C-alpha cells in the first residue's frame, strides 16, 4: 500500500511521518525542510505500507519545481491514498489544497495537525461536519503529543478511507497531472482534446469554498490562553526592534560558540594528551628508529587530539545552535530581517537558511538551496556557500590556527564579510533577478528536547564517520610528506609566494589542499612556523577558497558541471586576490 503525505509548507508532514514510523527525519519550524520525496516502510498488522513524505506546496497546479515534481510522482506511481496534513490553526488556507485534491478525484483523507494549538486558542473544529463537506475522513491529530496516532493507524490498517469520484474523474486526473498542460483560457480547446475542462473548478472558486467551509466548521468556544511566546513573537516581528533583537541573538550565538570551544579545549586537552603521549611512546617502542615509526608517532596523536579538542566542540555547539534556531521559528525571521541586506548580495533573505546550515555542513546546505525562488539566486547562494561559508569543522581548525599563531580574528572576519558582499554584488549584476518572494513566518515555539537531540545526533554523527577518519588519514599523509622532505621541493616557489602573498611556500600548499577538504588545510599550517601576519593571510586564503570534494559532487548533482567549473574559477580567483590584497594592506 503506497501512501503519500501532502500539504502546505511547514504543516508538520515530516513530524507525522516520524510519529507513524519512528524515523528520525529532520523536522524544523520553517518552510522548506523537506526538499525531496522521501519514503519509509512500516507494517500495520499484515499490511505493508510505504509512506512518502513530499515537499510542501501551496497548489498542485503551480509552476514551482516542487509542484511539478509531485505531479510527476503522482502520475508515474500507483498511489493508494493521499494523506493531506493540514495546519488546523490556518484551516482556510489549507482547505484550498483540499478542494484541489477533491477535484483530482484521488482517495485522500485530511489530518488536522496541531489540533492542540487550536484548543489553546479557544477554538473548536467540527471534524464530522468537515468530513461530510469534503466527503473524506477527517482526523484530529497532534504530531507533538501523539494525539490521533492510534486512530490514523486504525484507518490505514483497515483501509477506512473513501473519496467520491465523479464521472470523468480519471480524465480530470490525467489532465491535471499532465506536466505539459498549461491553461490557455480557451475551454473549447480542452474539451475537444480531453473531453473535460480542467479549469471548471478554478482557484477562485476553491478559495471561496475554503473560506465558506472554514467558517462553517470553526467556532470560538472560549477566550484564547495568553502565552509569553505571543508577546515575544510581537517583539521579534517588529521591523526595527525585531532586527536588533535577532542581531543580538546571532551575536550571542557566536559568543557561546567561541566560549564553548575555549572552555572545552582545556579539559579535553588535559584528558587526551596523556593518551596521545602513550600512543606516541608505544609506537616508538614498537617501531624504533624507523621512518614509519617517526611518522605514526607524531601523526596519530595529532590526528586524534586536534579533532577531539577543537573540531568536536565546534560541531557539537553549531549543531545545537542550529537546532534551536530552527525549532523556535527564529531562522525564517532572519530571512525577513536580512531581506534588504541580502539584496546587496543579489539574493533574497531566504538564503539565510541554506547559508546558516552551511556553518554545520555545506554539503546538505547545497541541497537546501532548492528553496530559493529561482535558478539565479540558487547559483549565487551555492557560490557563496562554496567559497565564503566555513563548515563547523573548519571553524574549529581556524580557531586553533588563530590561537596558535596570534592571527588577527578581526581581519579574518572582516575579509570574509567584504568578500561575501563584493562577490554577491558582482554575481547579482551578471545574473537576472526574477520575481519577488513572499515570506511565511511560523509561530514561535518552545523547542522539543527530543527533536533537538535527534538533530544534534544526525548532524554530529558526521564527526565520527567523515571528519575524524579524514583528519587522521590526512595527518599521517602530511606528516609523512614533512618527514620525507617533500615540501622542500616547493622551496623554488618561495620567492613567488613571498612576493605575491607574503606567505611561505608550505602555507601556499595548504591553500591548494582545500580542493580536497577545507578543514584539512590548516593542519599544514599548524606544522609550520608562521608569524601572526603570515598566519592571518594564509588562513584568510584558506577560508575563502575552493569547495571541498563532497560539495563539488553535490553541486554537480544539483547545478551541473558547468556551474561547478564557474565556482572553481571564482574560488581560485577569490583566494589569490584576497592573498594579494592582504599582503599589500597588512603592515609588515
Protein backbone atom coordinates (compact mmCIF):
# COMPACT_ATOMS: atom_id res chain seq x y z
CA UNK A 1 0.00 0.00 0.00
CA UNK A 2 1.51 3.33 -1.11
CA UNK A 3 0.57 6.39 0.93
CA UNK A 4 1.66 9.98 0.20
CA UNK A 5 1.88 12.78 2.76
CA UNK A 6 0.88 16.04 1.09
CA UNK A 7 0.37 19.54 2.43
CA UNK A 8 1.44 23.16 2.58
CA UNK A 9 4.97 24.04 3.75
CA UNK A 10 5.61 23.75 7.49
CA UNK A 11 2.39 21.93 8.41
CA UNK A 12 4.24 19.01 10.02
CA UNK A 13 4.39 16.32 7.32
CA UNK A 14 7.82 15.06 8.39
CA UNK A 15 6.72 15.12 12.04
CA UNK A 16 3.71 12.97 11.14
CA UNK A 17 6.00 10.56 9.28
CA UNK A 18 8.30 10.32 12.30
CA UNK A 19 5.33 9.69 14.61
CA UNK A 20 3.95 6.90 12.44
CA UNK A 21 7.20 5.13 11.61
CA UNK A 22 9.66 6.04 14.36
CA UNK A 23 12.02 7.50 11.75
CA UNK A 24 14.35 10.40 12.52
CA UNK A 25 13.94 12.68 9.53
CA UNK A 26 14.89 16.25 10.39
CA UNK A 27 11.86 18.42 11.14
CA UNK A 28 12.08 22.18 11.59
CA UNK A 29 9.85 25.13 12.36
CA UNK A 30 10.20 26.79 8.96
CA UNK A 31 9.05 26.06 5.41
CA UNK A 32 11.27 24.10 3.05
CA UNK A 33 12.76 21.46 5.37
CA UNK A 34 11.72 18.63 3.02
CA UNK A 35 13.17 19.21 -0.43
CA UNK A 36 12.99 15.67 -1.79
CA UNK A 37 10.36 12.93 -1.85
CA UNK A 38 11.46 10.62 0.94
CA UNK A 39 9.98 7.23 1.73
CA UNK A 40 9.98 4.77 4.57
CA UNK A 41 8.26 1.44 5.08
CA UNK A 42 6.37 0.12 8.08
CA UNK A 43 3.80 -2.53 8.86
CA UNK A 44 0.33 -2.42 10.44
CA UNK A 45 -0.76 -5.98 11.17
CA UNK A 46 -0.31 -7.81 7.90
CA UNK A 47 -0.49 -4.60 5.85
CA UNK A 48 2.84 -3.39 4.40
CA UNK A 49 2.78 0.38 3.92
CA UNK A 50 5.23 2.61 2.06
CA UNK A 51 4.88 6.19 3.25
CA UNK A 52 6.15 9.04 1.06
CA UNK A 53 6.97 12.47 2.51
CA UNK A 54 6.77 15.27 -0.08
CA UNK A 55 7.97 18.90 -0.13
CA UNK A 56 5.40 21.48 0.92
CA UNK A 57 3.30 23.01 -1.85
CA UNK A 58 0.53 25.60 -1.88
CA UNK A 59 -1.06 24.22 -5.05
CA UNK A 60 -0.73 21.07 -7.11
CA UNK A 61 -1.09 23.16 -10.25
CA UNK A 62 1.69 25.65 -9.51
CA UNK A 63 4.65 26.04 -11.86
CA UNK A 64 7.09 25.71 -8.93
CA UNK A 65 9.62 22.87 -9.13
CA UNK A 66 8.15 21.16 -6.06
CA UNK A 67 4.64 21.05 -7.52
CA UNK A 68 5.91 19.75 -10.86
CA UNK A 69 7.91 17.05 -9.08
CA UNK A 70 4.87 15.92 -7.06
CA UNK A 71 2.59 15.94 -10.10
CA UNK A 72 5.06 13.75 -11.98
CA UNK A 73 5.36 11.44 -8.96
CA UNK A 74 1.57 11.03 -8.69
CA UNK A 75 1.35 10.47 -12.41
CA UNK A 76 4.13 7.88 -12.63
CA UNK A 77 3.34 5.85 -9.49
CA UNK A 78 0.41 3.88 -8.18
CA UNK A 79 -0.75 5.71 -5.05
CA UNK A 80 -3.46 4.14 -2.89
CA UNK A 81 -4.05 7.09 -0.58
CA UNK A 82 -3.05 10.72 -0.11
CA UNK A 83 -2.93 11.99 3.46
CA UNK A 84 -3.28 15.76 3.41
CA UNK A 85 -1.61 17.14 6.52
CA UNK A 86 -3.47 20.33 7.40
CA UNK A 87 -2.40 23.08 9.79
CA UNK A 88 -5.56 23.26 11.86
CA UNK A 89 -4.62 26.75 13.07
CA UNK A 90 -4.75 28.08 9.50
CA UNK A 91 -7.65 25.98 8.26
CA UNK A 92 -8.97 28.24 5.49
CA UNK A 93 -5.75 28.45 3.51
CA UNK A 94 -5.09 24.71 3.83
CA UNK A 95 -8.57 23.81 2.60
CA UNK A 96 -7.79 25.28 -0.84
CA UNK A 97 -5.46 22.32 -1.39
CA UNK A 98 -8.17 20.00 -0.01
CA UNK A 99 -10.55 21.12 -2.74
CA UNK A 100 -7.82 20.60 -5.33
CA UNK A 101 -7.43 17.01 -4.14
CA UNK A 102 -11.19 16.57 -4.19
CA UNK A 103 -11.34 17.80 -7.79
CA UNK A 104 -8.48 15.46 -8.62
CA UNK A 105 -10.69 12.53 -7.68
CA UNK A 106 -7.98 10.62 -5.81
CA UNK A 107 -8.67 8.84 -2.48
CA UNK A 108 -7.44 11.06 0.34
CA UNK A 109 -8.03 11.89 3.98
CA UNK A 110 -7.46 15.07 5.96
CA UNK A 111 -5.23 15.07 9.04
CA UNK A 112 -5.86 18.14 11.21
CA UNK A 113 -2.40 18.57 12.72
CA UNK A 114 -1.74 20.92 15.67
CA UNK A 115 -5.25 20.41 16.98
CA UNK A 116 -3.83 21.01 20.47
CA UNK A 117 -2.85 24.57 19.46
CA UNK A 118 -6.36 25.16 18.17
CA UNK A 119 -7.74 24.31 21.61
CA UNK A 120 -5.18 26.61 23.27
CA UNK A 121 -6.52 29.40 21.07
CA UNK A 122 -10.00 28.73 22.43
CA UNK A 123 -11.31 27.37 19.13
CA UNK A 124 -13.04 24.17 18.08
CA UNK A 125 -13.31 22.47 14.70
CA UNK A 126 -16.31 20.29 13.86
CA UNK A 127 -14.43 17.41 12.23
CA UNK A 128 -17.59 15.42 11.46
CA UNK A 129 -19.13 18.30 9.58
CA UNK A 130 -15.87 18.95 7.72
CA UNK A 131 -15.78 15.27 6.78
CA UNK A 132 -19.31 15.47 5.37
CA UNK A 133 -18.49 18.58 3.34
CA UNK A 134 -15.26 17.18 1.86
CA UNK A 135 -16.64 13.62 1.70
CA UNK A 136 -13.40 12.19 3.09
CA UNK A 137 -12.27 11.11 6.58
CA UNK A 138 -11.05 13.97 8.80
CA UNK A 139 -8.93 13.11 11.83
CA UNK A 140 -7.76 15.45 14.62
CA UNK A 141 -4.03 14.98 15.18
CA UNK A 142 -1.04 16.32 17.09
CA UNK A 143 2.44 15.27 15.99
CA UNK A 144 3.84 16.80 19.18
CA UNK A 145 1.69 14.92 21.71
CA UNK A 146 0.83 11.86 19.64
CA UNK A 147 -2.91 12.51 19.73
CA UNK A 148 -4.68 10.78 16.85
CA UNK A 149 -1.87 8.34 16.01
CA UNK A 150 -3.91 5.29 17.05
CA UNK A 151 -6.93 6.44 15.05
CA UNK A 152 -4.82 7.09 11.94
CA UNK A 153 -3.13 3.68 12.18
CA UNK A 154 -6.58 2.09 12.52
CA UNK A 155 -7.78 3.89 9.38
CA UNK A 156 -4.70 2.81 7.43
CA UNK A 157 -4.79 -0.77 8.71
CA UNK A 158 -8.44 -1.24 7.82
CA UNK A 159 -8.33 0.99 4.73
CA UNK A 160 -11.27 3.04 6.02
CA UNK A 161 -10.94 5.83 3.51
CA UNK A 162 -13.09 6.86 0.64
CA UNK A 163 -13.42 9.58 -1.94
CA UNK A 164 -16.30 10.32 -4.26
CA UNK A 165 -15.01 10.12 -7.83
CA UNK A 166 -17.46 11.72 -10.20
CA UNK A 167 -17.89 10.70 -13.82
CA UNK A 168 -14.86 11.82 -15.76
CA UNK A 169 -12.66 11.73 -12.64
CA UNK A 170 -9.97 9.71 -14.36
CA UNK A 171 -9.90 12.20 -17.25
CA UNK A 172 -9.62 15.09 -14.82
CA UNK A 173 -6.75 13.36 -13.03
CA UNK A 174 -4.86 12.71 -16.24
CA UNK A 175 -5.27 16.29 -17.44
CA UNK A 176 -4.38 17.87 -14.09
CA UNK A 177 -1.26 15.76 -13.67
CA UNK A 178 -0.10 16.27 -17.24
CA UNK A 179 3.20 18.12 -16.81
CA UNK A 180 2.84 19.76 -20.22
CA UNK A 181 -0.62 21.19 -19.50
CA UNK A 182 -0.80 24.98 -19.49
CA UNK A 183 -4.19 26.65 -19.25
CA UNK A 184 -4.77 28.92 -22.25
CA UNK A 185 -8.20 30.09 -21.11
CA UNK A 186 -9.82 28.53 -24.19
CA UNK A 187 -12.14 25.90 -22.71
CA UNK A 188 -13.22 24.63 -26.14
CA UNK A 189 -9.64 23.55 -26.82
CA UNK A 190 -9.54 21.45 -23.63
CA UNK A 191 -12.99 19.97 -24.26
CA UNK A 192 -12.01 18.85 -27.74
CA UNK A 193 -8.67 17.40 -26.62
CA UNK A 194 -9.61 15.89 -23.26
CA UNK A 195 -13.40 15.80 -23.07
CA UNK A 196 -13.32 17.79 -19.84
CA UNK A 197 -12.35 21.34 -18.80
CA UNK A 198 -9.74 21.30 -16.03
CA UNK A 199 -10.42 24.92 -15.11
CA UNK A 200 -14.07 24.28 -14.16
CA UNK A 201 -13.04 24.39 -10.50
CA UNK A 202 -10.52 27.19 -10.71
CA UNK A 203 -8.52 28.76 -7.94
CA UNK A 204 -11.04 31.49 -7.12
CA UNK A 205 -13.86 29.01 -6.71
CA UNK A 206 -11.74 26.79 -4.47
CA UNK A 207 -10.65 29.76 -2.38
CA UNK A 208 -14.27 30.81 -1.88
CA UNK A 209 -15.26 27.25 -0.95
CA UNK A 210 -12.37 27.03 1.50
CA UNK A 211 -13.41 30.29 3.18
CA UNK A 212 -17.04 29.20 3.50
CA UNK A 213 -16.07 25.76 4.77
CA UNK A 214 -13.65 27.10 7.38
CA UNK A 215 -16.31 29.48 8.69
CA UNK A 216 -18.89 26.70 8.80
CA UNK A 217 -16.81 24.22 10.82
CA UNK A 218 -14.83 26.55 13.14
CA UNK A 219 -16.01 28.45 16.18
CA UNK A 220 -14.56 30.32 19.15
CA UNK A 221 -15.67 28.49 22.28
CA UNK A 222 -13.68 30.38 24.93
CA UNK A 223 -11.03 33.14 25.11
CA UNK A 224 -7.56 32.19 23.92
CA UNK A 225 -4.99 31.40 26.59
CA UNK A 226 -2.27 34.02 26.92
CA UNK A 227 1.26 32.75 26.35
CA UNK A 228 4.59 34.52 26.79
CA UNK A 229 5.57 33.39 23.30
CA UNK A 230 2.80 35.55 21.84
CA UNK A 231 4.38 38.67 23.35
CA UNK A 232 7.87 37.56 22.28
CA UNK A 233 6.57 36.99 18.75
CA UNK A 234 5.16 40.53 18.59
CA UNK A 235 8.54 41.95 19.65
CA UNK A 236 10.60 39.86 17.23
CA UNK A 237 8.26 40.58 14.31
CA UNK A 238 8.56 44.36 14.65
CA UNK A 239 10.72 45.66 11.76
CA UNK A 240 13.20 47.74 13.80
CA UNK A 241 13.13 46.22 17.28
CA UNK A 242 12.96 42.70 15.84
CA UNK A 243 16.03 43.24 13.66
CA UNK A 244 18.11 44.41 16.64
CA UNK A 245 16.85 41.50 18.76
CA UNK A 246 17.77 38.99 16.05
CA UNK A 247 21.23 40.53 15.58
CA UNK A 248 21.70 40.36 19.34
CA UNK A 249 20.72 36.69 19.37
CA UNK A 250 23.14 35.98 16.50
CA UNK A 251 25.98 37.76 18.34
CA UNK A 252 25.15 35.80 21.49
CA UNK A 253 25.28 32.57 19.49
CA UNK A 254 28.79 33.31 18.17
CA UNK A 255 29.95 34.27 21.68
CA UNK A 256 28.55 31.00 23.05
CA UNK A 257 30.29 29.06 20.26
CA UNK A 258 33.71 30.62 20.90
CA UNK A 259 33.36 30.40 24.68
CA UNK A 260 32.34 26.75 24.45
CA UNK A 261 35.41 25.96 22.31
CA UNK A 262 37.69 27.82 24.74
CA UNK A 263 36.03 26.26 27.79
CA UNK A 264 36.17 22.70 26.47
CA UNK A 265 39.67 22.86 24.97
CA UNK A 266 41.49 22.84 28.32
CA UNK A 267 39.77 19.83 29.93
CA UNK A 268 39.74 17.84 26.68
CA UNK A 269 43.42 18.54 26.02
CA UNK A 270 44.31 17.60 29.59
CA UNK A 271 42.37 14.35 29.22
CA UNK A 272 43.67 13.42 25.76
CA UNK A 273 47.32 14.50 25.96
CA UNK A 274 48.30 11.53 28.16
CA UNK A 275 46.55 9.25 25.66
CA UNK A 276 48.46 10.87 22.79
CA UNK A 277 51.76 10.58 24.65
CA UNK A 278 51.06 6.92 25.45
CA UNK A 279 50.32 6.19 21.76
CA UNK A 280 53.49 8.04 20.71
CA UNK A 281 55.65 6.15 23.22
CA UNK A 282 54.15 2.80 22.23
CA UNK A 283 54.68 3.38 18.50
CA UNK A 284 58.29 4.50 19.03
CA UNK A 285 58.88 1.37 21.10
CA UNK A 286 57.25 -0.94 18.55
CA UNK A 287 58.92 0.73 15.54
CA UNK A 288 62.19 2.10 16.98
CA UNK A 289 64.29 4.36 14.78
CA UNK A 290 62.22 3.75 11.65
CA UNK A 291 60.73 6.29 9.25
CA UNK A 292 57.26 4.76 9.67
CA UNK A 293 57.59 4.87 13.44
CA UNK A 294 58.51 8.57 13.45
CA UNK A 295 55.60 9.41 11.13
CA UNK A 296 52.94 7.43 13.01
CA UNK A 297 54.23 8.51 16.43
CA UNK A 298 53.66 12.16 15.54
CA UNK A 299 50.69 11.88 13.17
CA UNK A 300 48.29 9.65 15.11
CA UNK A 301 48.30 11.70 18.34
CA UNK A 302 47.90 14.90 16.28
CA UNK A 303 45.10 13.33 14.24
CA UNK A 304 43.22 12.40 17.41
CA UNK A 305 43.87 15.27 19.82
CA UNK A 306 43.12 18.14 17.39
CA UNK A 307 39.73 16.78 16.21
CA UNK A 308 38.52 15.97 19.71
CA UNK A 309 39.70 19.20 21.34
CA UNK A 310 38.73 21.74 18.66
CA UNK A 311 36.53 20.33 15.90
CA UNK A 312 34.26 18.16 18.03
CA UNK A 313 33.18 21.01 20.37
CA UNK A 314 32.63 23.33 17.39
CA UNK A 315 30.48 20.81 15.50
CA UNK A 316 28.54 19.95 18.64
CA UNK A 317 27.73 23.56 19.51
CA UNK A 318 26.90 24.55 15.92
CA UNK A 319 24.52 21.58 15.68
CA UNK A 320 22.86 22.63 18.93
CA UNK A 321 22.52 26.31 17.99
CA UNK A 322 21.13 25.47 14.53
CA UNK A 323 18.55 23.11 16.05
CA UNK A 324 17.41 25.83 18.48
CA UNK A 325 17.12 28.48 15.74
CA UNK A 326 15.16 26.09 13.51
CA UNK A 327 12.73 24.77 16.10
CA UNK A 328 11.96 28.10 17.74
CA UNK A 329 10.96 29.61 14.39
CA UNK A 330 13.69 32.27 14.54
CA UNK A 331 15.56 31.13 11.42
CA UNK A 332 12.93 32.30 8.87
CA UNK A 333 12.70 35.60 10.75
CA UNK A 334 16.36 36.17 9.95
CA UNK A 335 15.32 35.79 6.31
CA UNK A 336 12.90 38.69 6.64
CA UNK A 337 15.22 40.85 8.74
CA UNK A 338 18.09 40.37 6.29
CA UNK A 339 16.00 40.71 3.12
CA UNK A 340 17.12 44.26 2.36
CA UNK A 341 20.71 43.49 3.30
CA UNK A 342 20.62 40.33 1.19
CA UNK A 343 19.73 42.35 -1.90
CA UNK A 344 23.27 43.74 -1.75
CA UNK A 345 24.44 40.19 -2.43
CA UNK A 346 21.90 39.63 -5.18
CA UNK A 347 19.91 37.16 -3.07
CA UNK A 348 16.73 37.22 -1.04
CA UNK A 349 16.84 36.98 2.72
CA UNK A 350 15.56 33.44 2.29
CA UNK A 351 19.17 32.44 1.52
CA UNK A 352 19.95 32.79 5.23
CA UNK A 353 18.52 29.28 5.70
CA UNK A 354 20.98 27.35 3.48
CA UNK A 355 23.82 29.75 4.38
CA UNK A 356 23.20 29.11 8.07
CA UNK A 357 23.02 25.37 7.51
CA UNK A 358 26.41 25.67 5.80
CA UNK A 359 28.00 26.55 9.13
CA UNK A 360 27.14 22.99 10.15
CA UNK A 361 27.98 21.20 6.90
CA UNK A 362 27.98 22.73 3.43
CA UNK A 363 27.06 19.54 1.57
CA UNK A 364 23.41 19.32 2.75
CA UNK A 365 23.27 23.12 2.62
CA UNK A 366 23.76 22.95 -1.16
CA UNK A 367 20.74 20.65 -1.30
CA UNK A 368 18.79 23.14 0.83
CA UNK A 369 19.24 25.84 -1.84
CA UNK A 370 16.28 24.23 -3.61
CA UNK A 371 14.08 26.52 -1.53
CA UNK A 372 15.44 29.56 -3.40
CA UNK A 373 12.84 31.13 -5.70
CA UNK A 374 14.82 30.93 -8.96
CA UNK A 375 17.91 29.42 -10.57
CA UNK A 376 19.94 32.66 -10.50
CA UNK A 377 19.58 33.12 -6.74
CA UNK A 378 20.27 29.45 -6.22
CA UNK A 379 23.57 29.68 -8.11
CA UNK A 380 24.60 32.79 -6.17
CA UNK A 381 23.78 31.08 -2.86
CA UNK A 382 25.71 27.90 -3.78
CA UNK A 383 28.67 30.05 -4.86
CA UNK A 384 28.72 31.91 -1.54
CA UNK A 385 28.36 28.60 0.31
CA UNK A 386 31.25 27.07 -1.62
CA UNK A 387 33.70 29.97 -1.35
CA UNK A 388 32.84 32.02 1.75
CA UNK A 389 30.96 29.93 4.34
CA UNK A 390 33.12 27.70 6.60
CA UNK A 391 31.64 24.47 7.97
CA UNK A 392 31.74 23.68 11.70
CA UNK A 393 34.90 21.59 11.35
CA UNK A 394 36.65 24.42 9.50
CA UNK A 395 35.58 26.92 12.16
CA UNK A 396 37.21 24.74 14.82
CA UNK A 397 40.51 24.40 12.94
CA UNK A 398 40.53 28.11 12.03
CA UNK A 399 40.06 28.97 15.70
CA UNK A 400 43.05 26.81 16.56
CA UNK A 401 45.26 28.48 13.92
CA UNK A 402 44.23 31.94 15.16
CA UNK A 403 45.03 30.90 18.72
CA UNK A 404 48.31 29.13 17.89
CA UNK A 405 49.89 31.94 15.86
CA UNK A 406 48.12 35.03 17.15
CA UNK A 407 46.45 35.65 13.77
CA UNK A 408 44.02 38.57 13.59
CA UNK A 409 40.44 37.35 14.02
CA UNK A 410 39.18 40.86 13.16
CA UNK A 411 40.99 40.82 9.80
CA UNK A 412 39.73 37.30 9.05
CA UNK A 413 36.07 38.06 9.79
CA UNK A 414 36.17 41.45 8.02
CA UNK A 415 37.78 39.88 4.95
CA UNK A 416 35.09 37.18 4.79
CA UNK A 417 32.25 39.71 5.10
CA UNK A 418 33.72 42.07 2.49
CA UNK A 419 34.33 39.16 0.13
CA UNK A 420 30.75 37.98 0.51
CA UNK A 421 29.48 41.48 -0.25
CA UNK A 422 31.72 42.02 -3.28
CA UNK A 423 31.26 38.53 -4.73
CA UNK A 424 27.49 38.60 -4.25
CA UNK A 425 27.21 42.08 -5.76
CA UNK A 426 29.19 41.07 -8.85
CA UNK A 427 27.12 37.92 -9.36
CA UNK A 428 23.83 39.79 -8.88
CA UNK A 429 24.77 42.19 -11.67
CA UNK A 430 25.71 39.37 -14.01
CA UNK A 431 22.58 37.31 -13.39
CA UNK A 432 18.97 38.45 -13.89
CA UNK A 433 16.74 38.98 -10.86
CA UNK A 434 13.29 37.45 -11.08
CA UNK A 435 10.05 37.55 -9.12
CA UNK A 436 9.70 38.71 -5.54
CA UNK A 437 9.29 36.19 -2.74
CA UNK A 438 6.57 36.25 -0.10
CA UNK A 439 7.73 35.01 3.30
CA UNK A 440 5.71 32.81 5.60
CA UNK A 441 6.63 33.20 9.26
CA UNK A 442 5.84 30.23 11.52
CA UNK A 443 4.77 30.84 15.12
CA UNK A 444 7.46 30.96 17.78
CA UNK A 445 7.61 27.68 19.66
CA UNK A 446 9.50 26.15 22.55
CA UNK A 447 11.88 23.56 21.07
CA UNK A 448 11.06 19.94 21.82
CA UNK A 449 14.04 18.38 23.55
CA UNK A 450 13.82 15.06 21.70
CA UNK A 451 13.69 16.79 18.32
CA UNK A 452 16.71 18.98 19.18
CA UNK A 453 18.60 15.92 20.37
CA UNK A 454 17.75 13.98 17.19
CA UNK A 455 19.07 16.83 15.03
CA UNK A 456 22.29 17.03 17.04
CA UNK A 457 22.81 13.27 16.66
CA UNK A 458 22.14 13.30 12.91
CA UNK A 459 24.38 16.29 12.18
CA UNK A 460 27.09 15.45 14.70
CA UNK A 461 27.39 11.83 13.55
CA UNK A 462 29.45 13.10 10.60
CA UNK A 463 32.29 13.85 13.03
CA UNK A 464 32.91 10.13 13.61
CA UNK A 465 32.05 8.87 10.11
CA UNK A 466 33.76 11.54 7.99
CA UNK A 467 35.75 14.20 9.86
CA UNK A 468 37.75 12.05 12.29
CA UNK A 469 38.86 9.37 9.77
CA UNK A 470 39.76 12.00 7.16
CA UNK A 471 41.76 14.08 9.63
CA UNK A 472 43.61 11.04 10.90
CA UNK A 473 44.49 9.87 7.37
CA UNK A 474 45.50 13.35 6.22
CA UNK A 475 47.53 13.89 9.38
CA UNK A 476 49.54 10.75 8.56
CA UNK A 477 49.97 11.80 4.91
CA UNK A 478 51.05 15.35 5.79
CA UNK A 479 53.47 14.14 8.48
CA UNK A 480 54.91 11.58 6.03
CA UNK A 481 55.45 14.30 3.43
CA UNK A 482 57.14 16.52 6.00
CA UNK A 483 59.43 13.74 7.24
CA UNK A 484 60.34 12.78 3.66
CA UNK A 485 61.34 16.32 2.74
CA UNK A 486 58.62 16.56 0.08
CA UNK A 487 57.79 20.16 0.95
CA UNK A 488 61.40 21.09 0.27
CA UNK A 489 60.63 20.54 -3.43
CA UNK A 490 58.47 23.65 -3.31
CA UNK A 491 61.19 25.90 -1.97
CA UNK A 492 61.65 27.15 -5.51
CA UNK A 493 58.23 28.79 -5.16
CA UNK A 494 59.31 30.61 -2.01
CA UNK A 495 60.14 33.90 -3.73
CA UNK A 496 56.90 33.73 -5.73
CA UNK A 497 54.62 33.09 -2.74
CA UNK A 498 56.52 35.56 -0.54
CA UNK A 499 56.35 38.34 -3.11
CA UNK A 500 52.75 37.79 -4.17
CA UNK A 501 51.03 36.64 -0.97
CA UNK A 502 53.54 37.25 1.81
CA UNK A 503 53.44 33.62 2.96
CA UNK A 504 55.94 30.73 2.77
CA UNK A 505 55.53 28.11 0.06
CA UNK A 506 54.43 25.50 2.64
CA UNK A 507 51.49 27.71 3.60
CA UNK A 508 50.56 28.10 -0.07
CA UNK A 509 50.38 24.30 -0.30
CA UNK A 510 47.76 24.42 2.45
CA UNK A 511 45.65 26.69 0.24
CA UNK A 512 45.81 24.13 -2.58
CA UNK A 513 44.77 21.33 -0.21
CA UNK A 514 41.35 22.99 0.19
CA UNK A 515 40.30 21.30 -3.05
CA UNK A 516 40.09 18.03 -1.07
CA UNK A 517 38.64 19.20 2.26
CA UNK A 518 38.88 22.72 3.58
CA UNK A 519 39.30 21.80 7.23
CA UNK A 520 42.32 19.62 6.37
CA UNK A 521 44.34 22.56 5.04
CA UNK A 522 45.04 24.23 8.40
CA UNK A 523 46.74 21.02 9.55
CA UNK A 524 49.66 22.02 7.33
CA UNK A 525 49.74 25.49 8.89
CA UNK A 526 49.90 24.01 12.38
CA UNK A 527 53.12 22.24 11.42
CA UNK A 528 55.00 25.28 10.04
CA UNK A 529 56.42 28.25 11.95
CA UNK A 530 54.38 31.31 10.95
CA UNK A 531 54.30 34.92 12.07
CA UNK A 532 50.90 36.39 13.03
CA UNK A 533 50.84 38.28 9.72
CA UNK A 534 51.60 35.15 7.67
CA UNK A 535 49.04 33.11 9.60
CA UNK A 536 46.37 35.80 9.05
CA UNK A 537 46.95 35.87 5.29
CA UNK A 538 47.17 32.08 4.96
CA UNK A 539 44.04 31.32 6.99
CA UNK A 540 42.11 34.04 5.11
CA UNK A 541 43.09 32.49 1.77
CA UNK A 542 42.01 29.07 3.03
CA UNK A 543 38.72 30.40 4.42
CA UNK A 544 37.93 31.97 1.03
CA UNK A 545 38.90 29.35 -1.49
CA UNK A 546 37.53 26.20 -3.12
CA UNK A 547 34.60 23.94 -2.27
CA UNK A 548 35.67 20.58 -0.89
CA UNK A 549 35.09 17.34 -2.81
CA UNK A 550 31.71 16.45 -1.21
CA UNK A 551 30.40 19.94 -2.03
CA UNK A 552 31.68 19.59 -5.60
CA UNK A 553 29.80 16.31 -6.03
CA UNK A 554 26.59 17.82 -4.66
CA UNK A 555 26.98 20.91 -6.86
CA UNK A 556 27.32 18.76 -9.98
CA UNK A 557 24.22 16.85 -8.96
CA UNK A 558 22.18 19.98 -8.31
CA UNK A 559 23.51 22.55 -10.82
CA UNK A 560 25.67 20.67 -13.32
CA UNK A 561 29.34 20.53 -14.27
CA UNK A 562 29.36 23.94 -15.99
CA UNK A 563 28.27 25.72 -12.83
CA UNK A 564 30.89 23.85 -10.77
CA UNK A 565 33.65 24.92 -13.17
CA UNK A 566 32.48 28.53 -12.80
CA UNK A 567 32.53 28.24 -9.00
CA UNK A 568 36.02 26.70 -9.02
CA UNK A 569 37.31 29.52 -11.19
CA UNK A 570 35.80 32.11 -8.85
CA UNK A 571 37.23 30.22 -5.85
CA UNK A 572 40.80 30.35 -7.18
CA UNK A 573 40.42 34.00 -8.20
CA UNK A 574 38.93 34.96 -4.83
CA UNK A 575 41.57 33.18 -2.75
CA UNK A 576 44.50 34.59 -4.72
CA UNK A 577 43.01 38.10 -4.82
CA UNK A 578 42.47 38.06 -1.06
CA UNK A 579 46.07 36.93 -0.52
CA UNK A 580 47.49 39.68 -2.74
CA UNK A 581 45.35 42.43 -1.20
CA UNK A 582 46.10 41.40 2.39
CA UNK A 583 49.81 41.25 1.56
CA UNK A 584 49.55 44.84 0.31
CA UNK A 585 47.33 46.18 3.11
CA UNK A 586 48.64 44.47 6.25
CA UNK A 587 51.68 46.11 7.86
CA UNK A 588 54.88 44.07 7.73
